Amino acid sequence: MANYNGPVCRLCRREQQKLFLKGEKCVSNCVFDKRNGVIPGQHGLARRRKVSDYGLQLRAKQRARRLYGVMEEQFRHYFEKAERSQGVTGTVLLQQLERRLDNVVYRLGMAASRREARQLVSHRHFAVNGRTVNVPSYQVRPGEVVSVRDGHKDKKPIENALDLIQGRPVPDWLTLDADKKQGTILRYPERHEMDMFIDEQLIVEYYSR
């Protein structure tokens, strides 16, 4: 997750939402489930109190930022770009996050988590239209093909992730050829195809205040 090196399970507990930052472990051995989503800290549940409008907006922004593994400055850049674009600002923002190469690798099922996908991309395991791309934030476009590079297709993390793909179906804006270990971007994702627990309107309000 970008430059964050702390315990990721703590982030899920803080956001009161499973962000699936550790892949298979989030399903089979999840600290969030074991601790019943208790907020981290000395007093846990006792820390809960009435949250202000600003607090709700902040949590919505932090939840989205942590889900996609983006640091604050880059997340603000995405928002500013979405604000200048045509269309609904919140939806355009989420589309930019979904179109990150590391997220697409995760959505295609070739990585167990976005965090793992980011590492695999950085280590030059993937190509876009046959050209090696090692920038996790690369924005894919309709018609582009994301594939595992020749000589890298037997990597254990990729094989393991593809074995788990039945539990995480590929969204309709992507297609996957599991045998060739490649996927094609058909179109931009629509709002209902992105994570529904993100409240993009609160994020827009946070940056517009």
N, C-alpha and C. Protein backbone atom coordinates (compact mmCIF):
# COMPACT_ATOMS: atom_id res chain seq x y z
N MET A 1 0.84 -1.18 0.00
CA MET A 1 0.00 0.00 0.00
C MET A 1 0.88 1.24 0.00
N ALA A 2 1.27 1.70 -1.19
CA ALA A 2 2.10 2.88 -1.32
C ALA A 2 3.27 2.82 -0.34
N ASN A 3 3.45 3.83 0.52
CA ASN A 3 4.58 3.86 1.44
C ASN A 3 4.20 3.46 2.86
N TYR A 4 2.99 2.98 3.06
CA TYR A 4 2.56 2.56 4.40
C TYR A 4 3.14 1.19 4.71
N ASN A 5 3.88 1.07 5.80
CA ASN A 5 4.52 -0.19 6.16
C ASN A 5 4.01 -0.76 7.48
N GLY A 6 2.96 -0.16 8.04
CA GLY A 6 2.42 -0.63 9.30
C GLY A 6 1.48 -1.82 9.12
N PRO A 7 0.85 -2.28 10.20
CA PRO A 7 -0.07 -3.42 10.12
C PRO A 7 -1.35 -3.04 9.36
N VAL A 8 -1.61 -3.73 8.26
CA VAL A 8 -2.75 -3.35 7.42
C VAL A 8 -4.09 -3.73 8.03
N CYS A 9 -4.12 -4.76 8.88
CA CYS A 9 -5.38 -5.14 9.52
C CYS A 9 -5.91 -4.00 10.40
N ARG A 10 -5.00 -3.20 10.91
CA ARG A 10 -5.38 -2.05 11.73
C ARG A 10 -6.18 -1.05 10.90
N LEU A 11 -5.85 -0.93 9.61
CA LEU A 11 -6.56 0.00 8.73
C LEU A 11 -8.01 -0.45 8.54
N CYS A 12 -8.22 -1.73 8.35
CA CYS A 12 -9.59 -2.24 8.20
C CYS A 12 -10.41 -1.97 9.46
N ARG A 13 -9.78 -2.20 10.60
CA ARG A 13 -10.50 -1.99 11.87
C ARG A 13 -10.82 -0.50 12.06
N ARG A 14 -9.89 0.36 11.65
CA ARG A 14 -10.14 1.80 11.79
C ARG A 14 -11.27 2.26 10.89
N GLU A 15 -11.35 1.69 9.69
CA GLU A 15 -12.38 2.10 8.75
C GLU A 15 -13.69 1.32 8.94
N GLN A 16 -13.67 0.36 9.88
CA GLN A 16 -14.86 -0.45 10.15
C GLN A 16 -15.37 -1.14 8.89
N GLN A 17 -14.43 -1.58 8.06
CA GLN A 17 -14.79 -2.21 6.79
C GLN A 17 -13.63 -3.09 6.34
N LYS A 18 -13.93 -4.31 5.90
CA LYS A 18 -12.87 -5.17 5.38
C LYS A 18 -12.42 -4.64 4.03
N LEU A 19 -11.15 -4.27 3.93
CA LEU A 19 -10.60 -3.71 2.70
C LEU A 19 -9.84 -4.75 1.87
N PHE A 20 -9.73 -5.97 2.39
CA PHE A 20 -9.08 -7.09 1.69
C PHE A 20 -7.68 -6.70 1.23
N LEU A 21 -6.89 -6.22 2.18
CA LEU A 21 -5.54 -5.77 1.88
C LEU A 21 -4.51 -6.90 1.94
N LYS A 22 -4.92 -8.07 2.46
CA LYS A 22 -3.96 -9.19 2.59
C LYS A 22 -4.41 -10.42 1.81
N GLY A 23 -5.30 -10.22 0.87
CA GLY A 23 -5.71 -11.31 -0.01
C GLY A 23 -6.42 -12.44 0.70
N GLU A 24 -5.92 -13.66 0.52
CA GLU A 24 -6.58 -14.85 1.05
C GLU A 24 -6.70 -14.82 2.56
N LYS A 25 -5.74 -14.23 3.26
CA LYS A 25 -5.79 -14.17 4.71
C LYS A 25 -7.01 -13.40 5.21
N CYS A 26 -7.51 -12.46 4.39
CA CYS A 26 -8.69 -11.69 4.78
C CYS A 26 -9.94 -12.55 4.77
N VAL A 27 -9.86 -13.68 4.09
CA VAL A 27 -11.01 -14.60 4.03
C VAL A 27 -10.88 -15.71 5.07
N SER A 28 -9.67 -16.27 5.19
CA SER A 28 -9.49 -17.46 6.03
C SER A 28 -8.98 -17.17 7.43
N ASN A 29 -8.26 -16.06 7.62
CA ASN A 29 -7.64 -15.82 8.93
C ASN A 29 -7.63 -14.31 9.20
N CYS A 30 -8.81 -13.72 9.28
CA CYS A 30 -8.94 -12.26 9.32
C CYS A 30 -8.99 -11.73 10.76
N VAL A 31 -8.09 -10.81 11.07
CA VAL A 31 -8.07 -10.18 12.39
C VAL A 31 -9.32 -9.35 12.60
N PHE A 32 -9.83 -8.75 11.55
CA PHE A 32 -11.05 -7.93 11.63
C PHE A 32 -12.21 -8.77 12.16
N ASP A 33 -12.34 -10.00 11.67
CA ASP A 33 -13.41 -10.89 12.13
C ASP A 33 -13.15 -11.35 13.56
N LYS A 34 -11.89 -11.65 13.87
CA LYS A 34 -11.56 -12.15 15.21
C LYS A 34 -11.85 -11.11 16.29
N ARG A 35 -11.64 -9.84 15.94
CA ARG A 35 -11.85 -8.77 16.92
C ARG A 35 -13.17 -8.05 16.73
N ASN A 36 -14.03 -8.66 15.89
CA ASN A 36 -15.37 -8.12 15.66
C ASN A 36 -15.36 -6.65 15.25
N GLY A 37 -14.35 -6.28 14.50
CA GLY A 37 -14.28 -4.92 13.97
C GLY A 37 -14.04 -3.85 15.00
N VAL A 38 -13.50 -4.22 16.18
CA VAL A 38 -13.25 -3.23 17.23
C VAL A 38 -12.24 -2.20 16.75
N ILE A 39 -12.54 -0.92 16.95
CA ILE A 39 -11.63 0.14 16.54
C ILE A 39 -10.32 -0.01 17.29
N PRO A 40 -9.16 0.10 16.59
CA PRO A 40 -7.87 -0.07 17.27
C PRO A 40 -7.60 1.03 18.28
N GLY A 41 -6.82 0.72 19.28
CA GLY A 41 -6.51 1.69 20.32
C GLY A 41 -6.74 1.10 21.69
N GLN A 42 -6.34 1.81 22.71
CA GLN A 42 -6.39 1.29 24.08
C GLN A 42 -7.80 0.98 24.54
N HIS A 43 -8.78 1.81 24.13
CA HIS A 43 -10.12 1.66 24.66
C HIS A 43 -11.12 1.06 23.67
N GLY A 44 -10.69 0.82 22.43
CA GLY A 44 -11.55 0.13 21.48
C GLY A 44 -12.91 0.76 21.32
N LEU A 45 -13.94 -0.01 21.65
CA LEU A 45 -15.32 0.44 21.48
C LEU A 45 -15.63 1.70 22.27
N ALA A 46 -14.92 1.89 23.36
CA ALA A 46 -15.19 3.06 24.20
C ALA A 46 -14.87 4.37 23.47
N ARG A 47 -14.07 4.28 22.41
CA ARG A 47 -13.69 5.48 21.69
C ARG A 47 -14.78 5.96 20.75
N ARG A 48 -15.78 5.13 20.51
CA ARG A 48 -16.85 5.54 19.61
C ARG A 48 -17.64 6.70 20.21
N ARG A 49 -17.92 7.66 19.36
CA ARG A 49 -18.71 8.81 19.78
C ARG A 49 -19.39 9.37 18.56
N LYS A 50 -20.25 10.34 18.78
CA LYS A 50 -20.95 10.95 17.66
C LYS A 50 -19.94 11.61 16.72
N VAL A 51 -20.10 11.32 15.43
CA VAL A 51 -19.16 11.81 14.44
C VAL A 51 -19.75 13.03 13.73
N SER A 52 -18.94 14.06 13.57
CA SER A 52 -19.38 15.28 12.89
C SER A 52 -19.45 15.04 11.38
N ASP A 53 -20.04 16.02 10.65
CA ASP A 53 -20.10 15.91 9.19
C ASP A 53 -18.70 15.83 8.61
N TYR A 54 -17.80 16.64 9.16
CA TYR A 54 -16.41 16.60 8.69
C TYR A 54 -15.80 15.23 8.95
N GLY A 55 -16.09 14.64 10.10
CA GLY A 55 -15.56 13.32 10.41
C GLY A 55 -16.05 12.26 9.43
N LEU A 56 -17.32 12.33 9.04
CA LEU A 56 -17.87 11.39 8.06
C LEU A 56 -17.19 11.56 6.71
N GLN A 57 -16.97 12.82 6.33
CA GLN A 57 -16.31 13.08 5.05
C GLN A 57 -14.87 12.57 5.06
N LEU A 58 -14.19 12.81 6.17
CA LEU A 58 -12.80 12.35 6.30
C LEU A 58 -12.70 10.84 6.22
N ARG A 59 -13.60 10.15 6.93
CA ARG A 59 -13.56 8.69 6.92
C ARG A 59 -13.86 8.14 5.53
N ALA A 60 -14.77 8.77 4.80
CA ALA A 60 -15.08 8.32 3.44
C ALA A 60 -13.86 8.45 2.54
N LYS A 61 -13.15 9.57 2.69
CA LYS A 61 -11.93 9.78 1.89
C LYS A 61 -10.85 8.79 2.27
N GLN A 62 -10.63 8.60 3.57
CA GLN A 62 -9.59 7.68 4.03
C GLN A 62 -9.89 6.24 3.63
N ARG A 63 -11.17 5.88 3.68
CA ARG A 63 -11.56 4.51 3.32
C ARG A 63 -11.22 4.23 1.86
N ALA A 64 -11.57 5.17 0.98
CA ALA A 64 -11.28 4.99 -0.45
C ALA A 64 -9.78 5.00 -0.71
N ARG A 65 -9.08 5.91 -0.05
CA ARG A 65 -7.64 6.03 -0.27
C ARG A 65 -6.91 4.76 0.16
N ARG A 66 -7.30 4.22 1.29
CA ARG A 66 -6.65 3.02 1.81
C ARG A 66 -7.05 1.78 1.01
N LEU A 67 -8.28 1.74 0.52
CA LEU A 67 -8.72 0.60 -0.28
C LEU A 67 -7.86 0.45 -1.52
N TYR A 68 -7.58 1.58 -2.19
CA TYR A 68 -6.81 1.53 -3.44
C TYR A 68 -5.30 1.69 -3.23
N GLY A 69 -4.88 1.90 -1.99
CA GLY A 69 -3.46 1.99 -1.71
C GLY A 69 -2.81 3.24 -2.26
N VAL A 70 -3.50 4.38 -2.11
CA VAL A 70 -3.01 5.65 -2.66
C VAL A 70 -2.70 6.61 -1.52
N MET A 71 -1.57 7.30 -1.61
CA MET A 71 -1.22 8.27 -0.60
C MET A 71 -2.00 9.58 -0.80
N GLU A 72 -1.98 10.44 0.19
CA GLU A 72 -2.84 11.62 0.21
C GLU A 72 -2.60 12.55 -0.99
N GLU A 73 -1.37 12.86 -1.29
CA GLU A 73 -1.08 13.81 -2.37
C GLU A 73 -1.59 13.28 -3.72
N GLN A 74 -1.38 12.01 -3.96
CA GLN A 74 -1.83 11.43 -5.22
C GLN A 74 -3.36 11.37 -5.28
N PHE A 75 -3.98 11.07 -4.14
CA PHE A 75 -5.44 11.01 -4.11
C PHE A 75 -6.03 12.38 -4.41
N ARG A 76 -5.45 13.43 -3.86
CA ARG A 76 -5.91 14.79 -4.14
C ARG A 76 -5.73 15.12 -5.63
N HIS A 77 -4.64 14.65 -6.19
CA HIS A 77 -4.41 14.88 -7.62
C HIS A 77 -5.51 14.23 -8.45
N TYR A 78 -5.91 13.00 -8.07
CA TYR A 78 -7.00 12.33 -8.78
C TYR A 78 -8.29 13.15 -8.67
N PHE A 79 -8.55 13.70 -7.48
CA PHE A 79 -9.77 14.47 -7.30
C PHE A 79 -9.74 15.74 -8.16
N GLU A 80 -8.63 16.44 -8.15
CA GLU A 80 -8.53 17.68 -8.92
C GLU A 80 -8.69 17.41 -10.41
N LYS A 81 -8.15 16.30 -10.88
CA LYS A 81 -8.31 15.93 -12.28
C LYS A 81 -9.77 15.58 -12.59
N ALA A 82 -10.43 14.86 -11.67
CA ALA A 82 -11.83 14.50 -11.85
C ALA A 82 -12.71 15.74 -11.86
N GLU A 83 -12.36 16.72 -11.03
CA GLU A 83 -13.14 17.95 -10.93
C GLU A 83 -13.08 18.74 -12.24
N ARG A 84 -11.97 18.65 -12.95
CA ARG A 84 -11.81 19.37 -14.22
C ARG A 84 -12.42 18.61 -15.39
N SER A 85 -12.76 17.35 -15.18
CA SER A 85 -13.26 16.51 -16.27
C SER A 85 -14.77 16.66 -16.44
N GLN A 86 -15.24 16.24 -17.59
CA GLN A 86 -16.68 16.19 -17.81
C GLN A 86 -17.26 14.98 -17.08
N GLY A 87 -18.51 15.09 -16.68
CA GLY A 87 -19.15 14.00 -15.96
C GLY A 87 -19.25 14.29 -14.47
N VAL A 88 -19.79 13.34 -13.73
CA VAL A 88 -19.97 13.47 -12.29
C VAL A 88 -18.62 13.29 -11.61
N THR A 89 -18.22 14.29 -10.83
CA THR A 89 -16.88 14.30 -10.25
C THR A 89 -16.58 13.03 -9.45
N GLY A 90 -17.50 12.63 -8.58
CA GLY A 90 -17.27 11.46 -7.73
C GLY A 90 -17.09 10.19 -8.55
N THR A 91 -17.91 10.02 -9.58
CA THR A 91 -17.82 8.82 -10.42
C THR A 91 -16.52 8.81 -11.22
N VAL A 92 -16.15 9.96 -11.77
CA VAL A 92 -14.89 10.06 -12.52
C VAL A 92 -13.70 9.76 -11.61
N LEU A 93 -13.76 10.23 -10.36
CA LEU A 93 -12.71 9.94 -9.39
C LEU A 93 -12.54 8.44 -9.20
N LEU A 94 -13.65 7.74 -8.97
CA LEU A 94 -13.58 6.30 -8.76
C LEU A 94 -13.13 5.57 -10.01
N GLN A 95 -13.52 6.08 -11.18
CA GLN A 95 -13.07 5.45 -12.42
C GLN A 95 -11.55 5.54 -12.57
N GLN A 96 -10.99 6.68 -12.18
CA GLN A 96 -9.54 6.82 -12.24
C GLN A 96 -8.85 5.81 -11.32
N LEU A 97 -9.41 5.61 -10.14
CA LEU A 97 -8.84 4.66 -9.19
C LEU A 97 -8.97 3.23 -9.72
N GLU A 98 -10.12 2.93 -10.33
CA GLU A 98 -10.34 1.59 -10.87
C GLU A 98 -9.43 1.31 -12.05
N ARG A 99 -9.07 2.33 -12.80
CA ARG A 99 -8.27 2.16 -14.01
C ARG A 99 -6.77 2.11 -13.73
N ARG A 100 -6.37 2.23 -12.48
CA ARG A 100 -4.96 2.03 -12.14
C ARG A 100 -4.55 0.60 -12.53
N LEU A 101 -3.35 0.47 -13.04
CA LEU A 101 -2.90 -0.85 -13.50
C LEU A 101 -2.88 -1.87 -12.37
N ASP A 102 -2.44 -1.46 -11.17
CA ASP A 102 -2.42 -2.43 -10.07
C ASP A 102 -3.83 -2.90 -9.71
N ASN A 103 -4.81 -1.99 -9.79
CA ASN A 103 -6.19 -2.39 -9.50
C ASN A 103 -6.73 -3.32 -10.57
N VAL A 104 -6.39 -3.06 -11.84
CA VAL A 104 -6.86 -3.91 -12.93
C VAL A 104 -6.28 -5.32 -12.79
N VAL A 105 -5.00 -5.42 -12.44
CA VAL A 105 -4.38 -6.72 -12.21
C VAL A 105 -5.13 -7.47 -11.10
N TYR A 106 -5.49 -6.73 -10.04
CA TYR A 106 -6.25 -7.34 -8.94
C TYR A 106 -7.64 -7.75 -9.41
N ARG A 107 -8.32 -6.88 -10.14
CA ARG A 107 -9.67 -7.18 -10.61
C ARG A 107 -9.69 -8.38 -11.55
N LEU A 108 -8.61 -8.54 -12.31
CA LEU A 108 -8.53 -9.69 -13.22
C LEU A 108 -8.24 -11.00 -12.49
N GLY A 109 -7.89 -10.90 -11.21
CA GLY A 109 -7.62 -12.09 -10.42
C GLY A 109 -6.20 -12.60 -10.54
N MET A 110 -5.29 -11.75 -11.04
CA MET A 110 -3.90 -12.16 -11.18
C MET A 110 -3.03 -11.73 -10.00
N ALA A 111 -3.68 -11.24 -8.95
CA ALA A 111 -3.03 -10.93 -7.68
C ALA A 111 -4.06 -11.09 -6.59
N ALA A 112 -3.64 -11.54 -5.42
CA ALA A 112 -4.57 -11.82 -4.33
C ALA A 112 -5.08 -10.55 -3.65
N SER A 113 -4.36 -9.45 -3.81
CA SER A 113 -4.77 -8.17 -3.22
C SER A 113 -4.19 -7.04 -4.05
N ARG A 114 -4.70 -5.84 -3.85
CA ARG A 114 -4.14 -4.69 -4.57
C ARG A 114 -2.70 -4.44 -4.14
N ARG A 115 -2.42 -4.71 -2.90
CA ARG A 115 -1.06 -4.52 -2.40
C ARG A 115 -0.09 -5.45 -3.12
N GLU A 116 -0.49 -6.70 -3.28
CA GLU A 116 0.34 -7.67 -4.00
C GLU A 116 0.44 -7.28 -5.47
N ALA A 117 -0.67 -6.81 -6.04
CA ALA A 117 -0.67 -6.40 -7.45
C ALA A 117 0.31 -5.25 -7.67
N ARG A 118 0.33 -4.31 -6.73
CA ARG A 118 1.26 -3.19 -6.84
C ARG A 118 2.71 -3.68 -6.88
N GLN A 119 3.04 -4.65 -6.05
CA GLN A 119 4.39 -5.19 -6.00
C GLN A 119 4.74 -5.93 -7.29
N LEU A 120 3.80 -6.72 -7.80
CA LEU A 120 4.03 -7.48 -9.03
C LEU A 120 4.25 -6.54 -10.22
N VAL A 121 3.46 -5.48 -10.29
CA VAL A 121 3.63 -4.51 -11.37
C VAL A 121 4.98 -3.81 -11.25
N SER A 122 5.33 -3.39 -10.03
CA SER A 122 6.61 -2.70 -9.81
C SER A 122 7.80 -3.57 -10.17
N HIS A 123 7.64 -4.88 -10.02
CA HIS A 123 8.72 -5.82 -10.33
C HIS A 123 8.71 -6.27 -11.79
N ARG A 124 7.94 -5.56 -12.63
CA ARG A 124 7.97 -5.74 -14.08
C ARG A 124 7.44 -7.10 -14.54
N HIS A 125 6.43 -7.61 -13.87
CA HIS A 125 5.84 -8.88 -14.28
C HIS A 125 4.75 -8.70 -15.33
N PHE A 126 4.29 -7.47 -15.57
CA PHE A 126 3.15 -7.24 -16.45
C PHE A 126 3.49 -6.32 -17.61
N ALA A 127 2.72 -6.49 -18.69
CA ALA A 127 2.87 -5.66 -19.88
C ALA A 127 1.50 -5.15 -20.30
N VAL A 128 1.48 -4.00 -20.94
CA VAL A 128 0.26 -3.44 -21.51
C VAL A 128 0.47 -3.33 -23.01
N ASN A 129 -0.36 -4.04 -23.78
CA ASN A 129 -0.20 -4.10 -25.24
C ASN A 129 1.21 -4.55 -25.63
N GLY A 130 1.75 -5.48 -24.84
CA GLY A 130 3.05 -6.05 -25.15
C GLY A 130 4.23 -5.24 -24.66
N ARG A 131 3.97 -4.08 -24.07
CA ARG A 131 5.05 -3.22 -23.57
C ARG A 131 5.11 -3.29 -22.06
N THR A 132 6.28 -3.57 -21.51
CA THR A 132 6.44 -3.68 -20.06
C THR A 132 6.09 -2.35 -19.39
N VAL A 133 5.24 -2.43 -18.38
CA VAL A 133 4.86 -1.25 -17.59
C VAL A 133 5.07 -1.59 -16.13
N ASN A 134 5.89 -0.79 -15.45
CA ASN A 134 6.16 -1.05 -14.03
C ASN A 134 5.67 0.10 -13.15
N VAL A 135 4.68 0.83 -13.64
CA VAL A 135 4.10 1.96 -12.91
C VAL A 135 2.70 1.55 -12.45
N PRO A 136 2.50 1.27 -11.15
CA PRO A 136 1.19 0.82 -10.67
C PRO A 136 0.05 1.80 -10.95
N SER A 137 0.36 3.10 -11.03
CA SER A 137 -0.68 4.09 -11.25
C SER A 137 -1.02 4.31 -12.71
N TYR A 138 -0.39 3.57 -13.61
CA TYR A 138 -0.68 3.70 -15.05
C TYR A 138 -2.18 3.55 -15.29
N GLN A 139 -2.75 4.48 -16.06
CA GLN A 139 -4.19 4.48 -16.33
C GLN A 139 -4.48 3.69 -17.61
N VAL A 140 -5.12 2.54 -17.46
CA VAL A 140 -5.46 1.73 -18.63
C VAL A 140 -6.62 2.37 -19.38
N ARG A 141 -6.71 2.05 -20.68
CA ARG A 141 -7.76 2.60 -21.52
C ARG A 141 -8.49 1.47 -22.23
N PRO A 142 -9.73 1.71 -22.66
CA PRO A 142 -10.47 0.68 -23.39
C PRO A 142 -9.68 0.19 -24.61
N GLY A 143 -9.67 -1.12 -24.80
CA GLY A 143 -8.96 -1.71 -25.92
C GLY A 143 -7.58 -2.20 -25.56
N GLU A 144 -7.02 -1.77 -24.44
CA GLU A 144 -5.69 -2.21 -24.05
C GLU A 144 -5.74 -3.61 -23.44
N VAL A 145 -4.65 -4.33 -23.64
CA VAL A 145 -4.54 -5.71 -23.13
C VAL A 145 -3.46 -5.75 -22.06
N VAL A 146 -3.83 -6.21 -20.88
CA VAL A 146 -2.89 -6.36 -19.76
C VAL A 146 -2.53 -7.84 -19.67
N SER A 147 -1.24 -8.15 -19.72
CA SER A 147 -0.83 -9.55 -19.74
C SER A 147 0.40 -9.77 -18.87
N VAL A 148 0.55 -11.01 -18.42
CA VAL A 148 1.77 -11.40 -17.71
C VAL A 148 2.86 -11.57 -18.76
N ARG A 149 4.03 -11.02 -18.50
CA ARG A 149 5.12 -11.09 -19.46
C ARG A 149 5.60 -12.53 -19.66
N ASP A 150 6.06 -12.80 -20.86
CA ASP A 150 6.65 -14.12 -21.15
C ASP A 150 7.83 -14.35 -20.21
N GLY A 151 7.88 -15.55 -19.66
CA GLY A 151 8.94 -15.87 -18.71
C GLY A 151 8.55 -15.60 -17.28
N HIS A 152 7.38 -14.95 -17.08
CA HIS A 152 6.92 -14.63 -15.73
C HIS A 152 5.60 -15.33 -15.40
N LYS A 153 5.08 -16.12 -16.34
CA LYS A 153 3.74 -16.68 -16.19
C LYS A 153 3.66 -17.79 -15.16
N ASP A 154 4.80 -18.32 -14.73
CA ASP A 154 4.78 -19.39 -13.73
C ASP A 154 5.04 -18.87 -12.32
N LYS A 155 4.97 -17.55 -12.14
CA LYS A 155 5.20 -16.97 -10.82
C LYS A 155 4.11 -17.46 -9.85
N LYS A 156 4.54 -17.91 -8.67
CA LYS A 156 3.62 -18.52 -7.71
C LYS A 156 2.48 -17.59 -7.29
N PRO A 157 2.74 -16.31 -6.97
CA PRO A 157 1.62 -15.44 -6.56
C PRO A 157 0.54 -15.33 -7.62
N ILE A 158 0.94 -15.29 -8.89
CA ILE A 158 -0.04 -15.18 -9.97
C ILE A 158 -0.83 -16.47 -10.10
N GLU A 159 -0.14 -17.60 -10.04
CA GLU A 159 -0.82 -18.90 -10.12
C GLU A 159 -1.81 -19.07 -8.97
N ASN A 160 -1.37 -18.72 -7.75
CA ASN A 160 -2.24 -18.87 -6.59
C ASN A 160 -3.47 -17.97 -6.69
N ALA A 161 -3.27 -16.74 -7.17
CA ALA A 161 -4.39 -15.80 -7.28
C ALA A 161 -5.40 -16.30 -8.30
N LEU A 162 -4.94 -16.83 -9.43
CA LEU A 162 -5.85 -17.34 -10.45
C LEU A 162 -6.64 -18.55 -9.95
N ASP A 163 -6.04 -19.31 -9.04
CA ASP A 163 -6.75 -20.45 -8.46
C ASP A 163 -7.92 -19.99 -7.60
N LEU A 164 -7.83 -18.75 -7.09
CA LEU A 164 -8.87 -18.22 -6.21
C LEU A 164 -9.92 -17.39 -6.96
N ILE A 165 -9.78 -17.27 -8.29
CA ILE A 165 -10.61 -16.34 -9.05
C ILE A 165 -12.09 -16.68 -8.98
N GLN A 166 -12.45 -17.95 -8.72
CA GLN A 166 -13.86 -18.33 -8.67
C GLN A 166 -14.59 -17.60 -7.55
N GLY A 167 -13.88 -17.25 -6.50
CA GLY A 167 -14.52 -16.53 -5.40
C GLY A 167 -14.59 -15.03 -5.62
N ARG A 168 -13.95 -14.54 -6.68
CA ARG A 168 -13.95 -13.11 -6.97
C ARG A 168 -14.09 -12.93 -8.48
N PRO A 169 -15.32 -12.92 -9.00
CA PRO A 169 -15.52 -12.87 -10.45
C PRO A 169 -14.99 -11.58 -11.06
N VAL A 170 -14.60 -11.67 -12.33
CA VAL A 170 -14.09 -10.52 -13.06
C VAL A 170 -15.25 -9.60 -13.43
N PRO A 171 -15.14 -8.29 -13.17
CA PRO A 171 -16.23 -7.36 -13.51
C PRO A 171 -16.47 -7.30 -15.02
N ASP A 172 -17.65 -6.84 -15.40
CA ASP A 172 -18.06 -6.88 -16.81
C ASP A 172 -17.28 -5.93 -17.70
N TRP A 173 -16.59 -4.95 -17.13
CA TRP A 173 -15.83 -4.03 -17.98
C TRP A 173 -14.46 -4.58 -18.35
N LEU A 174 -14.18 -5.79 -17.87
CA LEU A 174 -12.93 -6.49 -18.20
C LEU A 174 -13.25 -7.90 -18.70
N THR A 175 -12.36 -8.45 -19.49
CA THR A 175 -12.45 -9.87 -19.85
C THR A 175 -11.12 -10.53 -19.52
N LEU A 176 -11.16 -11.78 -19.11
CA LEU A 176 -9.97 -12.51 -18.72
C LEU A 176 -9.80 -13.76 -19.55
N ASP A 177 -8.61 -13.95 -20.08
CA ASP A 177 -8.22 -15.22 -20.70
C ASP A 177 -7.22 -15.86 -19.74
N ALA A 178 -7.73 -16.74 -18.88
CA ALA A 178 -6.90 -17.32 -17.83
C ALA A 178 -5.77 -18.17 -18.39
N ASP A 179 -6.00 -18.85 -19.52
CA ASP A 179 -4.96 -19.69 -20.11
C ASP A 179 -3.77 -18.85 -20.59
N LYS A 180 -4.07 -17.72 -21.21
CA LYS A 180 -3.00 -16.85 -21.71
C LYS A 180 -2.51 -15.88 -20.63
N LYS A 181 -3.22 -15.87 -19.49
CA LYS A 181 -2.90 -14.94 -18.41
C LYS A 181 -2.87 -13.50 -18.91
N GLN A 182 -3.99 -13.10 -19.49
CA GLN A 182 -4.13 -11.73 -19.97
C GLN A 182 -5.58 -11.31 -19.91
N GLY A 183 -5.78 -10.01 -19.82
CA GLY A 183 -7.12 -9.47 -19.77
C GLY A 183 -7.23 -8.24 -20.66
N THR A 184 -8.44 -7.97 -21.12
CA THR A 184 -8.69 -6.84 -22.01
C THR A 184 -9.64 -5.86 -21.35
N ILE A 185 -9.35 -4.57 -21.49
CA ILE A 185 -10.24 -3.53 -20.97
C ILE A 185 -11.28 -3.23 -22.03
N LEU A 186 -12.53 -3.50 -21.75
CA LEU A 186 -13.60 -3.32 -22.73
C LEU A 186 -14.12 -1.88 -22.76
N ARG A 187 -14.21 -1.27 -21.58
CA ARG A 187 -14.78 0.07 -21.46
C ARG A 187 -14.45 0.60 -20.08
N TYR A 188 -14.86 1.84 -19.82
CA TYR A 188 -14.72 2.39 -18.48
C TYR A 188 -15.74 1.72 -17.55
N PRO A 189 -15.39 1.52 -16.30
CA PRO A 189 -16.35 0.91 -15.36
C PRO A 189 -17.50 1.85 -15.05
N GLU A 190 -18.68 1.31 -14.84
CA GLU A 190 -19.84 2.08 -14.42
C GLU A 190 -19.92 2.05 -12.90
N ARG A 191 -20.70 2.97 -12.33
CA ARG A 191 -20.71 3.12 -10.87
C ARG A 191 -21.09 1.84 -10.15
N HIS A 192 -22.07 1.10 -10.65
CA HIS A 192 -22.52 -0.10 -9.94
C HIS A 192 -21.49 -1.23 -10.00
N GLU A 193 -20.45 -1.06 -10.84
CA GLU A 193 -19.42 -2.08 -10.96
C GLU A 193 -18.22 -1.79 -10.06
N MET A 194 -18.29 -0.70 -9.32
CA MET A 194 -17.22 -0.34 -8.40
C MET A 194 -17.71 -0.54 -6.97
N ASP A 195 -16.79 -0.47 -5.99
CA ASP A 195 -17.15 -0.76 -4.61
C ASP A 195 -18.27 0.16 -4.12
N MET A 196 -19.36 -0.46 -3.67
CA MET A 196 -20.55 0.31 -3.31
C MET A 196 -20.45 0.92 -1.92
N PHE A 197 -19.54 0.43 -1.07
CA PHE A 197 -19.46 0.98 0.28
C PHE A 197 -18.69 2.30 0.31
N ILE A 198 -18.13 2.72 -0.83
CA ILE A 198 -17.47 4.03 -0.91
C ILE A 198 -18.53 5.09 -1.20
N ASP A 199 -18.56 6.14 -0.40
CA ASP A 199 -19.50 7.24 -0.60
C ASP A 199 -18.73 8.39 -1.25
N GLU A 200 -18.74 8.42 -2.57
CA GLU A 200 -17.96 9.42 -3.29
C GLU A 200 -18.48 10.84 -3.08
N GLN A 201 -19.77 10.98 -2.76
CA GLN A 201 -20.32 12.32 -2.52
C GLN A 201 -19.69 12.95 -1.28
N LEU A 202 -19.45 12.14 -0.26
CA LEU A 202 -18.79 12.65 0.94
C LEU A 202 -17.35 13.06 0.64
N ILE A 203 -16.71 12.34 -0.27
CA ILE A 203 -15.34 12.70 -0.66
C ILE A 203 -15.33 14.04 -1.38
N VAL A 204 -16.30 14.24 -2.27
CA VAL A 204 -16.41 15.52 -2.98
C VAL A 204 -16.66 16.66 -1.99
N GLU A 205 -17.51 16.41 -1.00
CA GLU A 205 -17.79 17.43 0.01
C GLU A 205 -16.55 17.73 0.84
N TYR A 206 -15.75 16.70 1.11
CA TYR A 206 -14.52 16.90 1.90
C TYR A 206 -13.57 17.85 1.20
N TYR A 207 -13.35 17.64 -0.08
CA TYR A 207 -12.40 18.48 -0.81
C TYR A 207 -13.01 19.82 -1.25
N SER A 208 -14.33 19.95 -1.18
CA SER A 208 -14.98 21.18 -1.62
C SER A 208 -15.30 22.12 -0.47
N ARG A 209 -14.99 21.73 0.75
CA ARG A 209 -15.40 22.53 1.90
C ARG A 209 -14.59 23.83 2.00
